[in-house]
Protein backbone atom coordinates (compact mmCIF):
# COMPACT_ATOMS: atom_id res chain seq x y z
CA MET A 1 8.24 1.46 -20.36
CA THR A 2 6.08 4.52 -20.99
CA ALA A 3 6.20 7.70 -18.92
CA ALA A 4 2.83 6.82 -17.37
CA ALA A 5 4.07 3.36 -16.44
CA ASN A 6 7.22 4.85 -14.92
CA GLN A 7 5.10 7.22 -12.86
CA LEU A 8 2.93 4.39 -11.57
CA ALA A 9 5.99 2.30 -10.72
CA ALA A 10 7.50 5.22 -8.80
CA GLN A 11 4.27 5.72 -6.86
CA PHE A 12 3.37 2.10 -6.09
CA GLY A 13 6.57 0.10 -6.50
CA ASP A 14 6.07 -3.63 -7.05
CA ILE A 15 3.05 -3.82 -4.75
CA ASP A 16 1.18 -7.12 -4.62
CA VAL A 17 -1.92 -6.67 -6.78
CA TYR A 18 -4.10 -8.31 -4.11
CA LEU A 19 -2.80 -5.90 -1.48
CA PHE A 20 -3.50 -3.06 -3.92
CA ASP A 21 -7.08 -4.37 -4.07
CA GLN A 22 -7.39 -3.90 -0.30
CA LEU A 23 -6.26 -0.28 -0.71
CA LEU A 24 -8.83 0.31 -3.45
CA ARG A 25 -11.56 -1.09 -1.22
CA GLY A 26 -10.73 1.34 1.58
CA ARG A 27 -9.55 -1.26 4.07
CA ILE A 28 -6.12 0.39 4.52
CA THR A 29 -6.36 4.10 5.24
CA PRO A 30 -3.72 6.77 5.98
CA ARG A 31 -4.46 6.96 9.71
CA MET A 32 -3.60 3.29 10.16
CA THR A 33 -0.32 1.78 11.27
CA VAL A 34 0.78 -0.95 8.85
CA LEU A 35 3.31 -3.64 9.77
CA ASP A 36 4.90 -5.68 6.99
CA ALA A 37 6.15 -8.94 8.50
CA GLY A 38 8.79 -10.23 6.13
CA CYS A 39 9.03 -6.92 4.31
CA GLY A 40 12.14 -7.76 2.27
CA LYS A 41 13.37 -4.62 0.50
CA GLY A 42 9.99 -2.94 0.82
CA ARG A 43 8.22 -3.89 -2.41
CA ASN A 44 4.81 -3.49 -0.73
CA LEU A 45 5.70 -0.36 1.22
CA VAL A 46 6.59 2.23 -1.43
CA TYR A 47 3.09 3.69 -1.76
CA LEU A 48 2.46 3.57 2.00
CA LEU A 49 5.70 5.36 2.79
CA ARG A 50 5.13 7.99 0.10
CA SER A 51 1.57 8.58 1.33
CA GLY A 52 2.44 9.31 4.95
CA TYR A 53 1.31 6.09 6.59
CA ARG A 54 3.00 5.00 9.80
CA VAL A 55 4.84 1.92 8.55
CA LEU A 56 6.64 -0.78 10.50
CA GLY A 57 8.71 -3.56 8.97
CA VAL A 58 10.45 -6.74 10.04
CA ASP A 59 12.76 -9.01 8.09
CA GLU A 60 15.46 -11.37 9.27
CA ASP A 61 17.78 -10.16 6.49
CA PRO A 62 19.72 -7.10 7.76
CA THR A 63 20.60 -6.08 4.19
CA ALA A 64 16.92 -5.91 3.27
CA ILE A 65 16.17 -3.80 6.35
CA ASP A 66 19.02 -1.43 5.44
CA THR A 67 17.39 -0.96 2.02
CA VAL A 68 13.98 -0.22 3.54
CA GLN A 69 15.50 2.23 6.01
CA ARG A 70 17.20 4.10 3.16
CA LEU A 71 13.90 4.25 1.28
CA ALA A 72 12.13 5.56 4.37
CA ARG A 73 14.76 8.25 4.96
CA GLU A 74 14.21 9.41 1.39
CA VAL A 75 10.41 9.44 1.16
CA ALA A 76 9.17 9.23 4.78
CA PRO A 77 11.64 11.11 7.01
CA HIS A 78 9.00 11.35 9.75
CA LEU A 79 9.62 7.66 10.54
CA SER A 80 12.45 6.60 12.83
CA SER A 81 14.91 3.92 11.79
CA ASP A 82 13.59 1.81 14.69
CA CYS A 83 10.37 1.29 12.71
CA PHE A 84 12.29 -1.29 10.65
CA ARG A 85 13.94 -4.15 12.49
CA ALA A 86 16.14 -7.06 11.44
CA GLU A 87 14.66 -9.92 13.42
CA PRO A 88 12.72 -13.16 12.91
CA ILE A 89 8.97 -12.83 12.49
CA GLU A 90 8.40 -15.37 15.24
CA ALA A 91 10.38 -13.19 17.68
CA MET A 92 9.34 -9.62 16.86
CA THR A 93 10.10 -6.95 19.45
CA PHE A 94 7.19 -4.68 18.56
CA PRO A 95 4.66 -4.41 21.39
CA ASN A 96 1.28 -6.10 21.52
CA GLU A 97 -1.37 -4.55 19.25
CA ALA A 98 1.14 -2.28 17.49
CA ALA A 99 -0.53 -2.28 14.06
CA ASP A 100 -3.95 -1.85 12.48
CA VAL A 101 -2.89 -3.94 9.49
CA VAL A 102 -0.34 -6.76 9.33
CA ILE A 103 0.93 -7.82 5.90
CA SER A 104 2.41 -11.26 5.29
CA SER A 105 3.18 -11.44 1.58
CA ALA A 106 4.88 -14.61 0.31
CA VAL A 107 6.43 -15.36 3.70
CA LEU A 108 4.64 -18.16 5.56
CA HIS A 109 5.35 -20.73 2.85
CA PHE A 110 9.03 -20.52 3.83
CA ALA A 111 8.28 -22.06 7.23
CA ARG A 112 10.56 -24.98 8.05
CA ASP A 113 7.72 -26.94 9.57
CA GLU A 114 4.32 -26.56 11.19
CA THR A 115 5.82 -25.38 14.49
CA GLN A 116 7.54 -22.41 12.86
CA PHE A 117 4.45 -21.69 10.77
CA TRP A 118 2.32 -21.35 13.90
CA ASP A 119 5.01 -19.43 15.79
CA MET A 120 5.12 -16.83 13.00
CA LEU A 121 1.35 -16.69 12.65
CA ARG A 122 0.70 -16.24 16.38
CA GLU A 123 3.34 -13.52 16.59
CA MET A 124 1.75 -11.59 13.71
CA TRP A 125 -1.63 -11.96 15.39
CA ARG A 126 -0.14 -10.68 18.67
CA VAL A 127 0.98 -7.38 17.15
CA LEU A 128 -2.36 -6.85 15.39
CA ARG A 129 -4.83 -4.57 17.14
CA PRO A 130 -8.39 -5.71 17.90
CA GLY A 131 -10.51 -4.91 14.86
CA GLY A 132 -7.41 -4.95 12.64
CA MET A 133 -6.82 -6.77 9.36
CA PHE A 134 -4.36 -9.56 8.66
CA PHE A 135 -3.50 -9.78 4.95
CA CYS A 136 -1.65 -12.89 3.83
CA ARG A 137 -0.52 -14.34 0.51
CA LEU A 138 1.04 -17.80 0.63
CA ALA A 139 1.56 -20.93 -1.41
CA SER A 140 -1.06 -23.65 -1.11
CA THR A 141 -2.25 -26.89 -2.67
CA ILE A 142 -5.66 -25.41 -3.54
CA GLY A 143 -6.49 -26.06 -7.18
CA MET A 144 -3.52 -28.40 -7.77
CA GLU A 145 -4.17 -31.13 -5.23
CA GLY A 146 -2.08 -34.24 -5.79
CA ARG A 147 0.46 -32.54 -8.06
CA PHE A 148 3.13 -31.91 -5.43
CA ARG A 149 5.79 -34.28 -4.09
CA GLN A 150 5.67 -34.43 -0.30
CA LEU A 151 9.02 -34.17 1.47
CA ALA A 152 8.01 -34.14 5.14
CA GLY A 153 4.91 -32.89 6.90
CA ARG A 154 3.59 -29.94 4.91
CA ARG A 155 6.80 -29.34 2.98
CA PHE A 156 6.56 -30.22 -0.69
CA THR A 157 8.49 -29.93 -3.93
CA LEU A 158 6.51 -27.88 -6.45
CA PRO A 159 6.44 -28.51 -10.22
CA ASP A 160 8.57 -25.37 -10.64
CA GLY A 161 11.34 -27.09 -8.64
CA THR A 162 11.05 -25.01 -5.46
CA GLU A 163 10.34 -26.33 -1.96
CA ARG A 164 7.56 -24.77 0.07
CA PHE A 165 5.43 -25.25 3.17
CA LEU A 166 1.95 -25.66 1.68
CA VAL A 167 -1.41 -25.07 3.32
CA ASP A 168 -4.83 -26.15 2.12
CA GLU A 169 -8.33 -24.77 2.52
CA ALA A 170 -9.11 -26.83 5.62
CA MET A 171 -5.95 -25.63 7.37
CA LEU A 172 -6.66 -21.94 6.64
CA VAL A 173 -10.27 -22.26 7.80
CA ASP A 174 -9.08 -24.03 10.96
CA ALA A 175 -6.37 -21.41 11.55
CA THR A 176 -8.94 -18.61 11.22
CA GLU A 177 -11.10 -20.28 13.86
CA ARG A 178 -8.17 -21.03 16.18
CA LEU A 179 -7.07 -17.40 16.05
CA GLY A 180 -10.62 -16.30 16.77
CA GLY A 181 -10.71 -14.31 13.53
CA GLN A 182 -13.26 -13.82 10.78
CA LEU A 183 -12.65 -14.13 7.05
CA LEU A 184 -13.08 -10.74 5.39
CA ASP A 185 -13.03 -12.28 1.91
CA PRO A 186 -13.49 -15.83 0.65
CA LEU A 187 -10.18 -17.60 0.12
CA LYS A 188 -8.92 -16.73 -3.37
CA THR A 189 -6.31 -18.81 -5.18
CA SER A 190 -4.37 -18.15 -8.37
CA VAL A 191 -2.99 -21.19 -10.19
CA VAL A 192 0.17 -20.23 -12.06
CA GLN A 193 0.15 -22.43 -15.18
CA ASN A 194 0.27 -25.70 -13.23
CA LEU A 195 3.49 -24.65 -11.50
CA ARG A 196 2.25 -23.36 -8.15
CA CYS A 197 -0.80 -21.99 -6.34
CA MET A 198 -0.91 -18.70 -4.42
CA THR A 199 -3.78 -18.12 -1.99
CA THR A 200 -4.96 -14.81 -0.55
CA TRP A 201 -6.16 -15.06 3.05
CA VAL A 202 -7.66 -11.94 4.66
CA VAL A 203 -8.80 -12.07 8.28
CA ARG A 204 -10.30 -9.56 10.71
CA LYS A 205 -9.24 -9.74 14.36
CA PRO A 206 -12.23 -9.37 16.70
CA ALA A 207 -12.76 -5.91 18.12
CA ALA A 208 -12.09 -5.41 21.82
CA PRO A 209 -15.23 -5.85 23.94
CA GLN A 210 -16.96 -2.69 25.08
CA ARG A 211 -16.46 -1.82 28.74
């Protein structure tokens, strides 16, 4: 790896390229509070932490949260350890409307069933402020319809051997309407060499009505 590549990796970490696109388009700005629901070890948070954003994170794996807390102590000491919590996404303890942006990167396709999928989705919507942006990347059937083996409900075995909860275009459009949101971008799907499909779903929560 070259020195320039090392510098970029130190600045941005392993950020999802589609989330990086939202940064480049000015949709995530330093005055915003960003909540990463299912943050893991913080792959999408390195740049935000280094750049002074107020960052919140949730993951049910305590070891992952410990890693994120250590990273925050190093590069963002202004944040308290309570900003990162080991708890299920469907039972977050952050207050209503806590974040301007909620990130869900490669998380919802681990739902056990449709009930858990909706529980997680509604909880992420709850903590999103009116006018805020929900950014989601998840596995889908879009572009590879009929190539997955159904296990039960929306759980399928993928050609790469993994098991995932898979959505389709109709479900994401319906979910957007049921949440009362508005698509900020058309649904965009990457087909990974006939192994799996990853869809980017970006939704704006309606602004609060003027009083």
